[in-house]
Amino acid sequence: AQLQQYLTIEEEKALVAILLLMSSLGQPVRIKYIPTLAFSIARRRSSTNRPNKPPGKNWAQAFGKRHPELKARRIKSIDWQRHETHIHDKV
């Protein structure tokens, strides 16, 4: 099924590397933005092999299943009492 995949193997490895790097820097990428990143990567191909439209609506979930090293997490907001005591010194 590699011929039917939206990105090539090398492009998917590059996307995984970028996502892991962003996560390690404390700036995780939301799942709904991953297809946009894939589309921008695919648009850099030669004009004969370039896709016309972004990946489908279920592409991000399938991408996550192909790469188990990526994990989706919910981000918790900081408690207001902790926020109030620590933010004033920094501002």
N, C-alpha and C. Protein backbone atom coordinates (compact mmCIF):
# COMPACT_ATOMS: atom_id res chain seq x y z
N ALA A 1 0.82 -1.21 0.00
CA ALA A 1 0.00 0.00 0.00
C ALA A 1 0.86 1.26 0.00
N GLN A 2 2.18 1.12 -0.15
CA GLN A 2 3.05 2.29 -0.12
C GLN A 2 2.79 3.23 -1.28
N LEU A 3 2.34 2.69 -2.42
CA LEU A 3 2.06 3.55 -3.56
C LEU A 3 0.82 4.39 -3.35
N GLN A 4 -0.06 3.97 -2.45
CA GLN A 4 -1.28 4.71 -2.18
C GLN A 4 -1.13 5.71 -1.05
N GLN A 5 -0.01 5.69 -0.35
CA GLN A 5 0.18 6.61 0.77
C GLN A 5 0.38 8.02 0.26
N TYR A 6 -0.06 8.97 1.07
CA TYR A 6 0.02 10.38 0.69
C TYR A 6 1.47 10.85 0.66
N LEU A 7 2.24 10.49 1.67
CA LEU A 7 3.66 10.86 1.75
C LEU A 7 4.53 9.64 1.49
N THR A 8 5.74 9.88 0.99
CA THR A 8 6.68 8.78 0.83
C THR A 8 7.24 8.42 2.20
N ILE A 9 7.98 7.32 2.26
CA ILE A 9 8.55 6.87 3.53
C ILE A 9 9.50 7.92 4.10
N GLU A 10 10.32 8.51 3.24
CA GLU A 10 11.27 9.53 3.71
C GLU A 10 10.55 10.78 4.20
N GLU A 11 9.48 11.15 3.51
CA GLU A 11 8.71 12.33 3.93
C GLU A 11 8.02 12.08 5.26
N GLU A 12 7.53 10.86 5.46
CA GLU A 12 6.90 10.55 6.75
C GLU A 12 7.93 10.55 7.87
N LYS A 13 9.13 10.05 7.60
CA LYS A 13 10.19 10.09 8.62
C LYS A 13 10.53 11.53 8.98
N ALA A 14 10.58 12.41 7.99
CA ALA A 14 10.87 13.81 8.25
C ALA A 14 9.75 14.46 9.07
N LEU A 15 8.51 14.13 8.77
CA LEU A 15 7.38 14.68 9.52
C LEU A 15 7.39 14.20 10.96
N VAL A 16 7.70 12.92 11.17
CA VAL A 16 7.81 12.38 12.53
C VAL A 16 8.93 13.08 13.29
N ALA A 17 10.05 13.31 12.64
CA ALA A 17 11.18 13.98 13.29
C ALA A 17 10.79 15.40 13.70
N ILE A 18 10.08 16.11 12.84
CA ILE A 18 9.65 17.47 13.16
C ILE A 18 8.68 17.47 14.33
N LEU A 19 7.73 16.53 14.33
CA LEU A 19 6.75 16.47 15.41
C LEU A 19 7.40 16.14 16.74
N LEU A 20 8.36 15.21 16.74
CA LEU A 20 9.07 14.88 17.98
C LEU A 20 9.94 16.03 18.45
N LEU A 21 10.55 16.75 17.52
CA LEU A 21 11.36 17.91 17.89
C LEU A 21 10.50 19.00 18.50
N MET A 22 9.37 19.28 17.88
CA MET A 22 8.48 20.31 18.43
C MET A 22 7.98 19.92 19.82
N SER A 23 7.69 18.66 20.02
CA SER A 23 7.24 18.19 21.32
C SER A 23 8.34 18.32 22.37
N SER A 24 9.57 17.99 22.00
CA SER A 24 10.68 18.08 22.95
C SER A 24 11.00 19.53 23.31
N LEU A 25 10.68 20.44 22.40
CA LEU A 25 10.90 21.86 22.69
C LEU A 25 9.75 22.49 23.47
N GLY A 26 8.73 21.70 23.77
CA GLY A 26 7.61 22.21 24.55
C GLY A 26 6.53 22.86 23.72
N GLN A 27 6.54 22.65 22.42
CA GLN A 27 5.53 23.21 21.52
C GLN A 27 4.87 22.09 20.73
N PRO A 28 4.05 21.26 21.37
CA PRO A 28 3.44 20.15 20.63
C PRO A 28 2.49 20.66 19.56
N VAL A 29 2.35 19.88 18.51
CA VAL A 29 1.50 20.24 17.37
C VAL A 29 0.15 19.57 17.54
N ARG A 30 -0.92 20.30 17.32
CA ARG A 30 -2.25 19.74 17.42
C ARG A 30 -2.49 18.78 16.25
N ILE A 31 -3.29 17.75 16.51
CA ILE A 31 -3.54 16.72 15.51
C ILE A 31 -4.16 17.31 14.25
N LYS A 32 -5.01 18.31 14.40
CA LYS A 32 -5.69 18.85 13.22
C LYS A 32 -4.75 19.63 12.31
N TYR A 33 -3.55 19.97 12.76
CA TYR A 33 -2.58 20.68 11.92
C TYR A 33 -1.62 19.75 11.18
N ILE A 34 -1.60 18.48 11.54
CA ILE A 34 -0.67 17.54 10.92
C ILE A 34 -0.95 17.36 9.43
N PRO A 35 -2.22 17.25 8.97
CA PRO A 35 -2.44 17.17 7.52
C PRO A 35 -1.94 18.40 6.76
N THR A 36 -2.01 19.56 7.37
CA THR A 36 -1.50 20.77 6.73
C THR A 36 0.01 20.68 6.56
N LEU A 37 0.69 20.17 7.57
CA LEU A 37 2.14 19.98 7.47
C LEU A 37 2.47 18.95 6.38
N ALA A 38 1.69 17.89 6.32
CA ALA A 38 1.92 16.86 5.29
C ALA A 38 1.71 17.45 3.90
N PHE A 39 0.71 18.28 3.73
CA PHE A 39 0.44 18.89 2.44
C PHE A 39 1.58 19.82 2.03
N SER A 40 2.12 20.57 2.99
CA SER A 40 3.24 21.46 2.66
C SER A 40 4.50 20.66 2.31
N ILE A 41 4.69 19.51 2.94
CA ILE A 41 5.83 18.65 2.59
C ILE A 41 5.63 18.07 1.19
N ALA A 42 4.42 17.60 0.90
CA ALA A 42 4.15 16.97 -0.40
C ALA A 42 4.22 17.98 -1.54
N ARG A 43 3.94 19.23 -1.28
CA ARG A 43 3.99 20.25 -2.33
C ARG A 43 5.41 20.56 -2.78
N ARG A 44 6.39 20.15 -2.02
CA ARG A 44 7.79 20.40 -2.39
C ARG A 44 8.32 19.36 -3.38
N ARG A 45 7.50 18.37 -3.72
CA ARG A 45 7.91 17.37 -4.70
C ARG A 45 7.93 17.98 -6.10
N SER A 46 8.41 17.19 -7.05
CA SER A 46 8.38 17.65 -8.44
C SER A 46 6.94 17.80 -8.91
N SER A 47 6.73 18.60 -9.91
CA SER A 47 5.37 18.92 -10.34
C SER A 47 4.61 17.71 -10.90
N THR A 48 5.30 16.70 -11.37
CA THR A 48 4.61 15.52 -11.90
C THR A 48 4.05 14.63 -10.81
N ASN A 49 4.62 14.68 -9.62
CA ASN A 49 4.24 13.79 -8.53
C ASN A 49 3.55 14.55 -7.40
N ARG A 50 3.22 15.80 -7.60
CA ARG A 50 2.68 16.65 -6.55
C ARG A 50 1.17 16.46 -6.41
N PRO A 51 0.66 16.32 -5.17
CA PRO A 51 -0.79 16.18 -4.98
C PRO A 51 -1.50 17.52 -5.15
N ASN A 52 -2.75 17.46 -5.57
CA ASN A 52 -3.54 18.67 -5.77
C ASN A 52 -4.26 19.14 -4.52
N LYS A 53 -4.54 18.23 -3.63
CA LYS A 53 -5.33 18.58 -2.45
C LYS A 53 -4.71 17.96 -1.20
N PRO A 54 -5.07 18.50 -0.02
CA PRO A 54 -4.53 17.95 1.23
C PRO A 54 -5.04 16.54 1.49
N PRO A 55 -4.42 15.84 2.45
CA PRO A 55 -4.86 14.48 2.75
C PRO A 55 -6.29 14.46 3.30
N GLY A 56 -6.90 13.29 3.29
CA GLY A 56 -8.27 13.13 3.73
C GLY A 56 -8.46 13.35 5.22
N LYS A 57 -9.72 13.30 5.65
CA LYS A 57 -10.04 13.63 7.05
C LYS A 57 -9.53 12.58 8.04
N ASN A 58 -9.36 11.34 7.62
CA ASN A 58 -8.88 10.29 8.52
C ASN A 58 -7.39 10.03 8.39
N TRP A 59 -6.70 10.81 7.60
CA TRP A 59 -5.29 10.58 7.35
C TRP A 59 -4.45 10.73 8.61
N ALA A 60 -4.74 11.71 9.45
CA ALA A 60 -3.94 11.94 10.66
C ALA A 60 -4.03 10.76 11.62
N GLN A 61 -5.21 10.17 11.77
CA GLN A 61 -5.36 9.01 12.65
C GLN A 61 -4.59 7.81 12.10
N ALA A 62 -4.64 7.60 10.79
CA ALA A 62 -3.89 6.50 10.19
C ALA A 62 -2.39 6.74 10.31
N PHE A 63 -1.97 7.99 10.18
CA PHE A 63 -0.56 8.35 10.33
C PHE A 63 -0.10 8.03 11.76
N GLY A 64 -0.94 8.34 12.73
CA GLY A 64 -0.61 8.04 14.13
C GLY A 64 -0.50 6.55 14.39
N LYS A 65 -1.33 5.75 13.73
CA LYS A 65 -1.26 4.29 13.89
C LYS A 65 -0.01 3.72 13.25
N ARG A 66 0.44 4.33 12.15
CA ARG A 66 1.66 3.86 11.49
C ARG A 66 2.91 4.21 12.28
N HIS A 67 2.82 5.23 13.12
CA HIS A 67 3.98 5.69 13.90
C HIS A 67 3.64 5.70 15.39
N PRO A 68 3.81 4.55 16.05
CA PRO A 68 3.44 4.47 17.47
C PRO A 68 4.32 5.31 18.39
N GLU A 69 5.44 5.82 17.90
CA GLU A 69 6.28 6.67 18.75
C GLU A 69 5.63 8.03 19.01
N LEU A 70 4.63 8.38 18.20
CA LEU A 70 3.87 9.61 18.41
C LEU A 70 2.70 9.31 19.32
N LYS A 71 2.49 10.17 20.30
CA LYS A 71 1.40 9.96 21.24
C LYS A 71 0.60 11.24 21.36
N ALA A 72 -0.71 11.09 21.33
CA ALA A 72 -1.59 12.24 21.52
C ALA A 72 -1.86 12.39 23.01
N ARG A 73 -1.76 13.61 23.48
CA ARG A 73 -1.99 13.89 24.90
C ARG A 73 -2.88 15.10 25.03
N ARG A 74 -3.62 15.13 26.09
CA ARG A 74 -4.41 16.31 26.40
C ARG A 74 -3.57 17.23 27.28
N ILE A 75 -3.57 18.49 26.95
CA ILE A 75 -2.81 19.45 27.74
C ILE A 75 -3.72 20.04 28.80
N LYS A 76 -3.28 19.97 30.02
CA LYS A 76 -4.06 20.52 31.12
C LYS A 76 -3.67 21.97 31.33
N SER A 77 -4.65 22.78 31.62
CA SER A 77 -4.35 24.17 31.92
C SER A 77 -3.80 24.27 33.34
N ILE A 78 -3.05 25.32 33.58
CA ILE A 78 -2.44 25.51 34.90
C ILE A 78 -3.50 25.99 35.88
N ASP A 79 -3.41 25.55 37.10
CA ASP A 79 -4.35 25.95 38.14
C ASP A 79 -4.25 27.47 38.34
N TRP A 80 -5.38 28.13 38.50
CA TRP A 80 -5.39 29.59 38.62
C TRP A 80 -4.60 30.07 39.83
N GLN A 81 -4.62 29.35 40.93
CA GLN A 81 -3.86 29.78 42.11
C GLN A 81 -2.36 29.72 41.83
N ARG A 82 -1.92 28.69 41.16
CA ARG A 82 -0.50 28.61 40.79
C ARG A 82 -0.16 29.68 39.77
N HIS A 83 -1.07 29.93 38.85
CA HIS A 83 -0.85 30.91 37.80
C HIS A 83 -0.68 32.31 38.41
N GLU A 84 -1.56 32.67 39.33
CA GLU A 84 -1.52 34.01 39.93
C GLU A 84 -0.25 34.24 40.75
N THR A 85 0.25 33.20 41.42
CA THR A 85 1.42 33.40 42.26
C THR A 85 2.72 33.45 41.47
N HIS A 86 2.75 32.87 40.28
CA HIS A 86 4.00 32.80 39.54
C HIS A 86 4.08 33.75 38.36
N ILE A 87 2.99 34.26 37.88
CA ILE A 87 3.04 35.04 36.65
C ILE A 87 3.47 36.49 36.88
N HIS A 88 3.17 37.05 38.03
CA HIS A 88 3.47 38.47 38.24
C HIS A 88 4.96 38.76 38.25
N ASP A 89 5.77 37.87 38.79
CA ASP A 89 7.22 38.08 38.81
C ASP A 89 7.79 38.04 37.39
N LYS A 90 7.23 37.23 36.56
CA LYS A 90 7.76 37.08 35.21
C LYS A 90 7.33 38.22 34.28
N VAL A 91 6.17 38.78 34.56
CA VAL A 91 5.67 39.86 33.70
C VAL A 91 6.38 41.13 34.10
